[in-house]
Amino acid sequence: MWIVNLPGSARPKADPAPLDAMLARVAVGDEAAFEDLYDAASSMVFGLIRRVVRDPDLSEEVLQEVFVEVWQQATRFDPERGSARSWMFTLAHRRAVDKVRATSSSYRRDLVQGIKDFQESTDDVQDTAILRADVERVLKVLETLTEVQRDAIRLAYYGGYSHQEVAALLHVPLGTVKTRIRDGMIVLRDRLGVA
């Protein structure tokens, strides 16, 4: 039996009595009754879900979840507390709201992570560019040092050698190496404008 019940709308509504009976049969594991219940109520349930979720694909997903829950929880339906229709609508509404919340939360997380990743990649590019410019500047100023200062600094700072190892490699006294490095670093500091 179809009843027009919405003001300003000619939308049909299923008779609740057969739904109650179908759900009672579903509660005892009647698969045919479940198919009949799905055929009779899925469009109404989907309409409710669609109004909450809005996205058609997500709405279909929620509809499937609702009917899985109907199958699993049919024994919990109590006709004394309400109709099968209202019970299924309650399940559907809860699932739809949960889906909207989960999707919204996931969207916000993705957005925040995307912004963070973008900022980090921008920072990385910016830091790399600054570092590259600094290295080029240091190398240019390094070329203005005397050859002995440049060699001592390159071995000590770029080669990772100790002052004693630099002295051995250059075949000069340790004090001479320290003086060359100190004098070269003073020139570098002055020419690079480092305080």
N, C-alpha and C. Protein backbone atom coordinates (compact mmCIF):
# COMPACT_ATOMS: atom_id res chain seq x y z
N MET A 1 0.85 -1.18 0.00
CA MET A 1 0.00 0.00 0.00
C MET A 1 0.89 1.25 0.00
N TRP A 2 0.57 2.19 -0.88
CA TRP A 2 1.35 3.43 -0.98
C TRP A 2 0.53 4.58 -0.42
N ILE A 3 1.18 5.41 0.38
CA ILE A 3 0.50 6.54 1.00
C ILE A 3 1.31 7.79 0.69
N VAL A 4 0.61 8.85 0.26
CA VAL A 4 1.27 10.13 0.04
C VAL A 4 1.19 10.87 1.36
N ASN A 5 2.37 11.18 1.94
CA ASN A 5 2.38 11.71 3.28
C ASN A 5 3.22 12.98 3.44
N LEU A 6 3.93 13.38 2.43
CA LEU A 6 4.79 14.55 2.56
C LEU A 6 4.09 15.76 1.96
N PRO A 7 4.02 16.88 2.70
CA PRO A 7 3.36 18.07 2.17
C PRO A 7 4.09 18.58 0.93
N GLY A 8 3.33 18.89 -0.08
CA GLY A 8 3.89 19.43 -1.31
C GLY A 8 4.65 18.39 -2.12
N SER A 9 4.54 17.14 -1.79
CA SER A 9 5.27 16.10 -2.49
C SER A 9 4.38 14.90 -2.72
N ALA A 10 4.60 14.24 -3.85
CA ALA A 10 3.83 13.04 -4.16
C ALA A 10 4.70 11.81 -3.99
N ARG A 11 5.59 11.85 -3.00
CA ARG A 11 6.52 10.75 -2.78
C ARG A 11 5.81 9.60 -2.06
N PRO A 12 5.84 8.39 -2.59
CA PRO A 12 5.16 7.27 -1.96
C PRO A 12 5.90 6.78 -0.72
N LYS A 13 5.17 6.18 0.19
CA LYS A 13 5.73 5.66 1.42
C LYS A 13 5.23 4.23 1.61
N ALA A 14 6.14 3.33 1.98
CA ALA A 14 5.76 1.93 2.14
C ALA A 14 4.94 1.74 3.40
N ASP A 15 4.03 0.81 3.35
CA ASP A 15 3.22 0.45 4.50
C ASP A 15 4.14 -0.20 5.53
N PRO A 16 4.13 0.28 6.79
CA PRO A 16 5.07 -0.24 7.77
C PRO A 16 4.81 -1.68 8.21
N ALA A 17 3.59 -2.15 8.17
CA ALA A 17 3.28 -3.50 8.67
C ALA A 17 4.05 -4.60 7.94
N PRO A 18 4.10 -4.61 6.59
CA PRO A 18 4.87 -5.65 5.94
C PRO A 18 6.37 -5.56 6.26
N LEU A 19 6.89 -4.35 6.43
CA LEU A 19 8.30 -4.20 6.79
C LEU A 19 8.58 -4.82 8.16
N ASP A 20 7.67 -4.60 9.11
CA ASP A 20 7.83 -5.20 10.44
C ASP A 20 7.85 -6.72 10.34
N ALA A 21 6.95 -7.27 9.54
CA ALA A 21 6.88 -8.72 9.39
C ALA A 21 8.14 -9.26 8.70
N MET A 22 8.59 -8.57 7.66
CA MET A 22 9.81 -8.99 6.96
C MET A 22 11.01 -8.98 7.90
N LEU A 23 11.10 -7.92 8.70
CA LEU A 23 12.24 -7.79 9.62
C LEU A 23 12.19 -8.88 10.69
N ALA A 24 11.01 -9.23 11.13
CA ALA A 24 10.88 -10.32 12.10
C ALA A 24 11.38 -11.63 11.50
N ARG A 25 11.09 -11.86 10.20
CA ARG A 25 11.57 -13.08 9.54
C ARG A 25 13.09 -13.01 9.33
N VAL A 26 13.61 -11.82 9.06
CA VAL A 26 15.06 -11.64 8.90
C VAL A 26 15.75 -11.99 10.22
N ALA A 27 15.13 -11.64 11.34
CA ALA A 27 15.71 -11.89 12.66
C ALA A 27 15.93 -13.38 12.92
N VAL A 28 15.17 -14.24 12.24
CA VAL A 28 15.36 -15.69 12.41
C VAL A 28 16.20 -16.28 11.28
N GLY A 29 16.81 -15.42 10.49
CA GLY A 29 17.75 -15.87 9.47
C GLY A 29 17.14 -16.17 8.11
N ASP A 30 15.97 -15.65 7.84
CA ASP A 30 15.29 -15.90 6.55
C ASP A 30 15.90 -14.99 5.48
N GLU A 31 16.70 -15.60 4.59
CA GLU A 31 17.38 -14.83 3.54
C GLU A 31 16.42 -14.27 2.51
N ALA A 32 15.38 -15.00 2.18
CA ALA A 32 14.37 -14.51 1.23
C ALA A 32 13.67 -13.28 1.79
N ALA A 33 13.41 -13.30 3.09
CA ALA A 33 12.78 -12.14 3.73
C ALA A 33 13.72 -10.94 3.69
N PHE A 34 15.01 -11.20 3.83
CA PHE A 34 15.99 -10.12 3.76
C PHE A 34 15.98 -9.50 2.36
N GLU A 35 15.93 -10.34 1.33
CA GLU A 35 15.87 -9.83 -0.04
C GLU A 35 14.61 -8.99 -0.24
N ASP A 36 13.48 -9.48 0.28
CA ASP A 36 12.21 -8.74 0.16
C ASP A 36 12.30 -7.40 0.91
N LEU A 37 12.89 -7.45 2.11
CA LEU A 37 13.05 -6.23 2.91
C LEU A 37 13.92 -5.23 2.17
N TYR A 38 15.00 -5.70 1.58
CA TYR A 38 15.89 -4.82 0.83
C TYR A 38 15.14 -4.19 -0.34
N ASP A 39 14.42 -5.03 -1.09
CA ASP A 39 13.66 -4.51 -2.24
C ASP A 39 12.62 -3.48 -1.81
N ALA A 40 11.99 -3.71 -0.69
CA ALA A 40 10.91 -2.83 -0.23
C ALA A 40 11.42 -1.54 0.40
N ALA A 41 12.56 -1.60 1.09
CA ALA A 41 12.97 -0.45 1.90
C ALA A 41 14.23 0.26 1.43
N SER A 42 15.01 -0.34 0.55
CA SER A 42 16.31 0.25 0.21
C SER A 42 16.20 1.64 -0.41
N SER A 43 15.19 1.87 -1.23
CA SER A 43 15.09 3.20 -1.86
C SER A 43 14.78 4.28 -0.82
N MET A 44 13.93 3.94 0.16
CA MET A 44 13.63 4.92 1.23
C MET A 44 14.87 5.19 2.07
N VAL A 45 15.56 4.12 2.44
CA VAL A 45 16.76 4.26 3.26
C VAL A 45 17.84 5.03 2.49
N PHE A 46 17.97 4.71 1.22
CA PHE A 46 18.96 5.41 0.40
C PHE A 46 18.63 6.90 0.32
N GLY A 47 17.35 7.24 0.20
CA GLY A 47 16.96 8.65 0.15
C GLY A 47 17.39 9.41 1.40
N LEU A 48 17.20 8.79 2.56
CA LEU A 48 17.62 9.41 3.81
C LEU A 48 19.14 9.58 3.84
N ILE A 49 19.83 8.51 3.49
CA ILE A 49 21.30 8.55 3.50
C ILE A 49 21.81 9.62 2.54
N ARG A 50 21.21 9.68 1.37
CA ARG A 50 21.64 10.64 0.33
C ARG A 50 21.49 12.07 0.80
N ARG A 51 20.42 12.34 1.57
CA ARG A 51 20.21 13.71 2.09
C ARG A 51 21.29 14.08 3.11
N VAL A 52 21.82 13.11 3.84
CA VAL A 52 22.84 13.40 4.84
C VAL A 52 24.24 13.41 4.21
N VAL A 53 24.54 12.38 3.43
CA VAL A 53 25.89 12.20 2.89
C VAL A 53 26.13 13.06 1.65
N ARG A 54 25.14 13.21 0.82
CA ARG A 54 25.17 13.97 -0.43
C ARG A 54 25.90 13.26 -1.57
N ASP A 55 27.05 12.69 -1.33
CA ASP A 55 27.82 12.02 -2.38
C ASP A 55 27.15 10.70 -2.74
N PRO A 56 26.82 10.48 -4.03
CA PRO A 56 26.10 9.25 -4.40
C PRO A 56 26.90 7.98 -4.14
N ASP A 57 28.18 7.99 -4.43
CA ASP A 57 28.99 6.79 -4.22
C ASP A 57 29.11 6.45 -2.73
N LEU A 58 29.37 7.46 -1.92
CA LEU A 58 29.44 7.23 -0.47
C LEU A 58 28.08 6.81 0.08
N SER A 59 27.02 7.36 -0.48
CA SER A 59 25.68 6.99 -0.04
C SER A 59 25.40 5.52 -0.31
N GLU A 60 25.82 5.03 -1.47
CA GLU A 60 25.64 3.60 -1.78
C GLU A 60 26.46 2.74 -0.83
N GLU A 61 27.63 3.20 -0.49
CA GLU A 61 28.48 2.47 0.47
C GLU A 61 27.80 2.39 1.83
N VAL A 62 27.24 3.50 2.27
CA VAL A 62 26.55 3.53 3.57
C VAL A 62 25.31 2.64 3.51
N LEU A 63 24.59 2.67 2.40
CA LEU A 63 23.40 1.81 2.26
C LEU A 63 23.79 0.34 2.44
N GLN A 64 24.88 -0.06 1.83
CA GLN A 64 25.34 -1.44 1.97
C GLN A 64 25.66 -1.74 3.43
N GLU A 65 26.36 -0.82 4.08
CA GLU A 65 26.71 -1.02 5.50
C GLU A 65 25.46 -1.12 6.36
N VAL A 66 24.46 -0.30 6.06
CA VAL A 66 23.22 -0.33 6.84
C VAL A 66 22.53 -1.68 6.71
N PHE A 67 22.45 -2.19 5.49
CA PHE A 67 21.75 -3.47 5.32
C PHE A 67 22.56 -4.65 5.86
N VAL A 68 23.85 -4.54 5.89
CA VAL A 68 24.65 -5.56 6.58
C VAL A 68 24.32 -5.52 8.07
N GLU A 69 24.22 -4.31 8.61
CA GLU A 69 23.86 -4.16 10.02
C GLU A 69 22.44 -4.65 10.29
N VAL A 70 21.53 -4.37 9.37
CA VAL A 70 20.15 -4.87 9.52
C VAL A 70 20.18 -6.39 9.61
N TRP A 71 20.92 -7.04 8.73
CA TRP A 71 21.00 -8.51 8.74
C TRP A 71 21.60 -9.01 10.06
N GLN A 72 22.67 -8.35 10.51
CA GLN A 72 23.35 -8.81 11.71
C GLN A 72 22.61 -8.47 13.01
N GLN A 73 21.86 -7.37 13.00
CA GLN A 73 21.23 -6.89 14.23
C GLN A 73 19.71 -7.02 14.24
N ALA A 74 19.15 -7.73 13.32
CA ALA A 74 17.68 -7.83 13.22
C ALA A 74 17.05 -8.34 14.51
N THR A 75 17.75 -9.17 15.25
CA THR A 75 17.19 -9.69 16.51
C THR A 75 17.02 -8.59 17.55
N ARG A 76 17.67 -7.47 17.38
CA ARG A 76 17.54 -6.36 18.33
C ARG A 76 16.31 -5.49 18.06
N PHE A 77 15.70 -5.67 16.91
CA PHE A 77 14.51 -4.88 16.59
C PHE A 77 13.38 -5.26 17.54
N ASP A 78 12.78 -4.24 18.16
CA ASP A 78 11.66 -4.44 19.08
C ASP A 78 10.45 -3.68 18.54
N PRO A 79 9.45 -4.42 18.02
CA PRO A 79 8.28 -3.73 17.46
C PRO A 79 7.49 -2.94 18.50
N GLU A 80 7.71 -3.21 19.78
CA GLU A 80 7.04 -2.45 20.84
C GLU A 80 7.58 -1.02 20.92
N ARG A 81 8.81 -0.83 20.47
CA ARG A 81 9.46 0.48 20.59
C ARG A 81 9.34 1.31 19.32
N GLY A 82 8.91 0.72 18.22
CA GLY A 82 8.77 1.48 16.98
C GLY A 82 8.67 0.55 15.79
N SER A 83 8.51 1.15 14.62
CA SER A 83 8.35 0.36 13.40
C SER A 83 9.71 -0.05 12.83
N ALA A 84 9.69 -1.03 11.95
CA ALA A 84 10.90 -1.48 11.27
C ALA A 84 11.48 -0.32 10.46
N ARG A 85 10.60 0.44 9.86
CA ARG A 85 11.04 1.59 9.06
C ARG A 85 11.83 2.58 9.90
N SER A 86 11.30 2.94 11.07
CA SER A 86 11.99 3.92 11.92
C SER A 86 13.29 3.32 12.47
N TRP A 87 13.29 2.02 12.77
CA TRP A 87 14.50 1.36 13.25
C TRP A 87 15.60 1.40 12.18
N MET A 88 15.24 1.08 10.94
CA MET A 88 16.21 1.11 9.84
C MET A 88 16.66 2.54 9.55
N PHE A 89 15.72 3.50 9.65
CA PHE A 89 16.09 4.90 9.45
C PHE A 89 17.08 5.37 10.52
N THR A 90 16.89 4.90 11.74
CA THR A 90 17.82 5.26 12.81
C THR A 90 19.21 4.71 12.51
N LEU A 91 19.27 3.43 12.11
CA LEU A 91 20.56 2.84 11.73
C LEU A 91 21.19 3.62 10.58
N ALA A 92 20.38 3.93 9.58
CA ALA A 92 20.89 4.63 8.39
C ALA A 92 21.39 6.02 8.74
N HIS A 93 20.63 6.73 9.56
CA HIS A 93 21.03 8.09 9.92
C HIS A 93 22.34 8.07 10.69
N ARG A 94 22.46 7.15 11.65
CA ARG A 94 23.71 7.06 12.42
C ARG A 94 24.90 6.75 11.51
N ARG A 95 24.72 5.78 10.62
CA ARG A 95 25.80 5.42 9.70
C ARG A 95 26.15 6.59 8.79
N ALA A 96 25.15 7.28 8.29
CA ALA A 96 25.38 8.41 7.38
C ALA A 96 26.15 9.53 8.09
N VAL A 97 25.73 9.85 9.31
CA VAL A 97 26.41 10.90 10.07
C VAL A 97 27.85 10.48 10.37
N ASP A 98 28.03 9.21 10.75
CA ASP A 98 29.40 8.71 10.99
C ASP A 98 30.25 8.84 9.73
N LYS A 99 29.68 8.52 8.57
CA LYS A 99 30.43 8.60 7.30
C LYS A 99 30.81 10.04 7.01
N VAL A 100 29.88 10.97 7.21
CA VAL A 100 30.17 12.39 6.97
C VAL A 100 31.27 12.87 7.89
N ARG A 101 31.18 12.49 9.16
CA ARG A 101 32.21 12.90 10.12
C ARG A 101 33.56 12.31 9.75
N ALA A 102 33.57 11.03 9.41
CA ALA A 102 34.84 10.38 9.06
C ALA A 102 35.44 10.99 7.80
N THR A 103 34.59 11.24 6.81
CA THR A 103 35.07 11.83 5.56
C THR A 103 35.58 13.24 5.80
N SER A 104 34.84 14.01 6.58
CA SER A 104 35.25 15.38 6.88
C SER A 104 36.56 15.40 7.66
N SER A 105 36.65 14.52 8.64
CA SER A 105 37.88 14.43 9.43
C SER A 105 39.06 14.02 8.56
N SER A 106 38.84 13.04 7.70
CA SER A 106 39.89 12.57 6.80
C SER A 106 40.31 13.70 5.85
N TYR A 107 39.33 14.44 5.35
CA TYR A 107 39.62 15.56 4.45
C TYR A 107 40.48 16.61 5.15
N ARG A 108 40.09 16.93 6.41
CA ARG A 108 40.87 17.93 7.16
C ARG A 108 42.29 17.44 7.42
N ARG A 109 42.42 16.16 7.79
CA ARG A 109 43.76 15.60 8.02
C ARG A 109 44.59 15.67 6.75
N ASP A 110 43.98 15.26 5.63
CA ASP A 110 44.70 15.29 4.35
C ASP A 110 45.09 16.71 3.98
N LEU A 111 44.18 17.65 4.21
CA LEU A 111 44.46 19.05 3.89
C LEU A 111 45.61 19.58 4.74
N VAL A 112 45.55 19.32 6.05
CA VAL A 112 46.62 19.78 6.94
C VAL A 112 47.94 19.14 6.55
N GLN A 113 47.92 17.83 6.28
CA GLN A 113 49.16 17.14 5.89
C GLN A 113 49.67 17.67 4.56
N GLY A 114 48.76 17.93 3.62
CA GLY A 114 49.17 18.47 2.32
C GLY A 114 49.81 19.84 2.45
N ILE A 115 49.23 20.68 3.30
CA ILE A 115 49.80 22.01 3.54
C ILE A 115 51.17 21.87 4.19
N LYS A 116 51.26 20.97 5.18
CA LYS A 116 52.53 20.75 5.87
C LYS A 116 53.59 20.24 4.88
N ASP A 117 53.22 19.24 4.05
CA ASP A 117 54.16 18.71 3.07
C ASP A 117 54.60 19.79 2.08
N PHE A 118 53.64 20.63 1.65
CA PHE A 118 53.96 21.70 0.72
C PHE A 118 54.92 22.69 1.36
N GLN A 119 54.65 23.06 2.62
CA GLN A 119 55.53 23.99 3.32
C GLN A 119 56.92 23.40 3.50
N GLU A 120 56.97 22.11 3.86
CA GLU A 120 58.27 21.47 4.04
C GLU A 120 59.04 21.42 2.73
N SER A 121 58.34 21.08 1.64
CA SER A 121 59.04 21.01 0.36
C SER A 121 59.47 22.40 -0.09
N THR A 122 58.64 23.40 0.18
CA THR A 122 59.01 24.78 -0.14
C THR A 122 60.20 25.19 0.70
N ASP A 123 60.16 24.84 1.98
CA ASP A 123 61.28 25.17 2.86
C ASP A 123 62.55 24.47 2.39
N ASP A 124 62.42 23.19 1.99
CA ASP A 124 63.58 22.44 1.51
C ASP A 124 64.18 23.11 0.28
N VAL A 125 63.33 23.49 -0.65
CA VAL A 125 63.81 24.14 -1.88
C VAL A 125 64.47 25.47 -1.54
N GLN A 126 63.83 26.21 -0.67
CA GLN A 126 64.37 27.51 -0.27
C GLN A 126 65.70 27.33 0.46
N ASP A 127 65.75 26.40 1.42
CA ASP A 127 66.99 26.14 2.16
C ASP A 127 68.10 25.68 1.22
N THR A 128 67.77 24.82 0.28
CA THR A 128 68.77 24.32 -0.67
C THR A 128 69.31 25.46 -1.52
N ALA A 129 68.43 26.34 -1.97
CA ALA A 129 68.85 27.47 -2.80
C ALA A 129 69.76 28.41 -2.00
N ILE A 130 69.38 28.66 -0.76
CA ILE A 130 70.20 29.54 0.09
C ILE A 130 71.56 28.90 0.35
N LEU A 131 71.55 27.61 0.67
CA LEU A 131 72.81 26.91 0.94
C LEU A 131 73.71 26.91 -0.29
N ARG A 132 73.11 26.65 -1.46
CA ARG A 132 73.89 26.63 -2.70
C ARG A 132 74.51 28.01 -2.96
N ALA A 133 73.74 29.06 -2.73
CA ALA A 133 74.26 30.43 -2.93
C ALA A 133 75.39 30.72 -1.95
N ASP A 134 75.22 30.27 -0.70
CA ASP A 134 76.27 30.48 0.30
C ASP A 134 77.55 29.73 -0.07
N VAL A 135 77.40 28.50 -0.52
CA VAL A 135 78.57 27.70 -0.91
C VAL A 135 79.31 28.37 -2.06
N GLU A 136 78.55 28.84 -3.06
CA GLU A 136 79.18 29.51 -4.20
C GLU A 136 79.93 30.76 -3.76
N ARG A 137 79.33 31.50 -2.85
CA ARG A 137 79.96 32.72 -2.34
C ARG A 137 81.25 32.40 -1.60
N VAL A 138 81.21 31.36 -0.74
CA VAL A 138 82.40 30.97 0.02
C VAL A 138 83.50 30.50 -0.93
N LEU A 139 83.14 29.71 -1.94
CA LEU A 139 84.14 29.22 -2.89
C LEU A 139 84.80 30.37 -3.65
N LYS A 140 84.01 31.38 -4.02
CA LYS A 140 84.58 32.54 -4.73
C LYS A 140 85.56 33.29 -3.84
N VAL A 141 85.17 33.50 -2.58
CA VAL A 141 86.06 34.22 -1.66
C VAL A 141 87.28 33.37 -1.34
N LEU A 142 87.08 32.05 -1.24
CA LEU A 142 88.20 31.14 -0.97
C LEU A 142 89.27 31.25 -2.06
N GLU A 143 88.85 31.49 -3.29
CA GLU A 143 89.80 31.61 -4.40
C GLU A 143 90.64 32.90 -4.29
N THR A 144 90.19 33.86 -3.48
CA THR A 144 90.95 35.11 -3.34
C THR A 144 92.07 35.00 -2.30
N LEU A 145 92.08 33.89 -1.54
CA LEU A 145 93.15 33.68 -0.54
C LEU A 145 94.45 33.31 -1.23
N THR A 146 95.51 33.40 -0.47
CA THR A 146 96.80 32.92 -1.02
C THR A 146 96.70 31.41 -1.17
N GLU A 147 97.53 30.87 -2.00
CA GLU A 147 97.49 29.44 -2.27
C GLU A 147 97.76 28.61 -1.01
N VAL A 148 98.70 29.06 -0.19
CA VAL A 148 99.04 28.29 1.02
C VAL A 148 97.89 28.33 2.04
N GLN A 149 97.21 29.50 2.15
CA GLN A 149 96.06 29.60 3.04
C GLN A 149 94.92 28.72 2.54
N ARG A 150 94.65 28.81 1.23
CA ARG A 150 93.58 28.04 0.60
C ARG A 150 93.81 26.54 0.79
N ASP A 151 95.02 26.07 0.55
CA ASP A 151 95.32 24.64 0.69
C ASP A 151 95.11 24.17 2.13
N ALA A 152 95.58 24.95 3.09
CA ALA A 152 95.45 24.58 4.50
C ALA A 152 93.98 24.52 4.91
N ILE A 153 93.21 25.51 4.50
CA ILE A 153 91.78 25.56 4.85
C ILE A 153 91.02 24.42 4.17
N ARG A 154 91.30 24.17 2.91
CA ARG A 154 90.61 23.07 2.20
C ARG A 154 90.88 21.72 2.88
N LEU A 155 92.11 21.47 3.23
CA LEU A 155 92.44 20.19 3.87
C LEU A 155 91.77 20.08 5.24
N ALA A 156 91.80 21.19 6.01
CA ALA A 156 91.26 21.15 7.37
C ALA A 156 89.72 21.11 7.38
N TYR A 157 89.08 21.94 6.57
CA TYR A 157 87.63 22.06 6.65
C TYR A 157 86.87 21.20 5.64
N TYR A 158 87.39 21.07 4.45
CA TYR A 158 86.72 20.25 3.45
C TYR A 158 87.23 18.81 3.46
N GLY A 159 88.52 18.64 3.80
CA GLY A 159 89.11 17.30 3.83
C GLY A 159 88.90 16.61 5.16
N GLY A 160 88.62 17.37 6.20
CA GLY A 160 88.39 16.78 7.52
C GLY A 160 89.64 16.38 8.27
N TYR A 161 90.78 16.90 7.82
CA TYR A 161 92.04 16.56 8.48
C TYR A 161 92.27 17.44 9.70
N SER A 162 92.98 16.89 10.69
CA SER A 162 93.36 17.69 11.87
C SER A 162 94.50 18.63 11.46
N HIS A 163 94.78 19.61 12.29
CA HIS A 163 95.88 20.54 11.98
C HIS A 163 97.20 19.77 11.85
N GLN A 164 97.40 18.81 12.70
CA GLN A 164 98.64 18.02 12.67
C GLN A 164 98.74 17.25 11.35
N GLU A 165 97.62 16.67 10.88
CA GLU A 165 97.62 15.92 9.61
C GLU A 165 97.85 16.85 8.44
N VAL A 166 97.29 18.06 8.50
CA VAL A 166 97.51 19.06 7.44
C VAL A 166 98.99 19.41 7.38
N ALA A 167 99.60 19.59 8.56
CA ALA A 167 101.04 19.93 8.60
C ALA A 167 101.86 18.82 7.96
N ALA A 168 101.49 17.57 8.23
CA ALA A 168 102.22 16.44 7.65
C ALA A 168 102.01 16.38 6.14
N LEU A 169 100.79 16.62 5.67
CA LEU A 169 100.50 16.57 4.24
C LEU A 169 101.20 17.68 3.47
N LEU A 170 101.29 18.85 4.08
CA LEU A 170 101.91 19.99 3.40
C LEU A 170 103.41 20.09 3.67
N HIS A 171 103.91 19.25 4.54
CA HIS A 171 105.33 19.23 4.90
C HIS A 171 105.78 20.58 5.46
N VAL A 172 104.98 21.12 6.39
CA VAL A 172 105.32 22.37 7.07
C VAL A 172 105.08 22.18 8.56
N PRO A 173 105.68 23.04 9.40
CA PRO A 173 105.48 22.91 10.85
C PRO A 173 104.01 23.16 11.24
N LEU A 174 103.60 22.57 12.35
CA LEU A 174 102.23 22.69 12.85
C LEU A 174 101.87 24.15 13.09
N GLY A 175 102.74 24.94 13.66
CA GLY A 175 102.48 26.36 13.92
C GLY A 175 102.20 27.12 12.64
N THR A 176 102.92 26.78 11.57
CA THR A 176 102.72 27.45 10.28
C THR A 176 101.33 27.14 9.74
N VAL A 177 100.91 25.89 9.86
CA VAL A 177 99.56 25.50 9.39
C VAL A 177 98.50 26.26 10.17
N LYS A 178 98.65 26.32 11.48
CA LYS A 178 97.67 27.04 12.31
C LYS A 178 97.60 28.51 11.92
N THR A 179 98.75 29.12 11.66
CA THR A 179 98.79 30.53 11.26
C THR A 179 98.11 30.73 9.91
N ARG A 180 98.39 29.87 8.95
CA ARG A 180 97.78 29.99 7.62
C ARG A 180 96.26 29.84 7.71
N ILE A 181 95.82 28.89 8.50
CA ILE A 181 94.36 28.67 8.64
C ILE A 181 93.73 29.87 9.33
N ARG A 182 94.37 30.35 10.43
CA ARG A 182 93.81 31.50 11.15
C ARG A 182 93.75 32.73 10.27
N ASP A 183 94.83 33.04 9.56
CA ASP A 183 94.87 34.22 8.70
C ASP A 183 93.85 34.09 7.56
N GLY A 184 93.74 32.89 6.98
CA GLY A 184 92.78 32.66 5.90
C GLY A 184 91.35 32.82 6.37
N MET A 185 91.07 32.33 7.58
CA MET A 185 89.71 32.45 8.13
C MET A 185 89.35 33.91 8.43
N ILE A 186 90.34 34.69 8.87
CA ILE A 186 90.09 36.12 9.11
C ILE A 186 89.73 36.81 7.80
N VAL A 187 90.47 36.49 6.75
CA VAL A 187 90.17 37.10 5.44
C VAL A 187 88.77 36.66 4.97
N LEU A 188 88.48 35.38 5.11
CA LEU A 188 87.15 34.88 4.70
C LEU A 188 86.04 35.60 5.48
N ARG A 189 86.23 35.73 6.79
CA ARG A 189 85.23 36.37 7.62
C ARG A 189 84.99 37.81 7.18
N ASP A 190 86.09 38.53 6.95
CA ASP A 190 85.97 39.94 6.56
C ASP A 190 85.29 40.07 5.19
N ARG A 191 85.71 39.25 4.24
CA ARG A 191 85.17 39.37 2.87
C ARG A 191 83.73 38.87 2.75
N LEU A 192 83.35 37.94 3.63
CA LEU A 192 81.97 37.45 3.61
C LEU A 192 81.05 38.29 4.48
N GLY A 193 81.65 39.18 5.27
CA GLY A 193 80.82 40.06 6.10
C GLY A 193 80.22 39.34 7.29
N VAL A 194 80.89 38.32 7.79
CA VAL A 194 80.40 37.58 8.93
C VAL A 194 80.86 38.25 10.20
N ALA A 195 79.93 38.45 11.15
CA ALA A 195 80.27 39.12 12.39
C ALA A 195 80.95 38.16 13.35
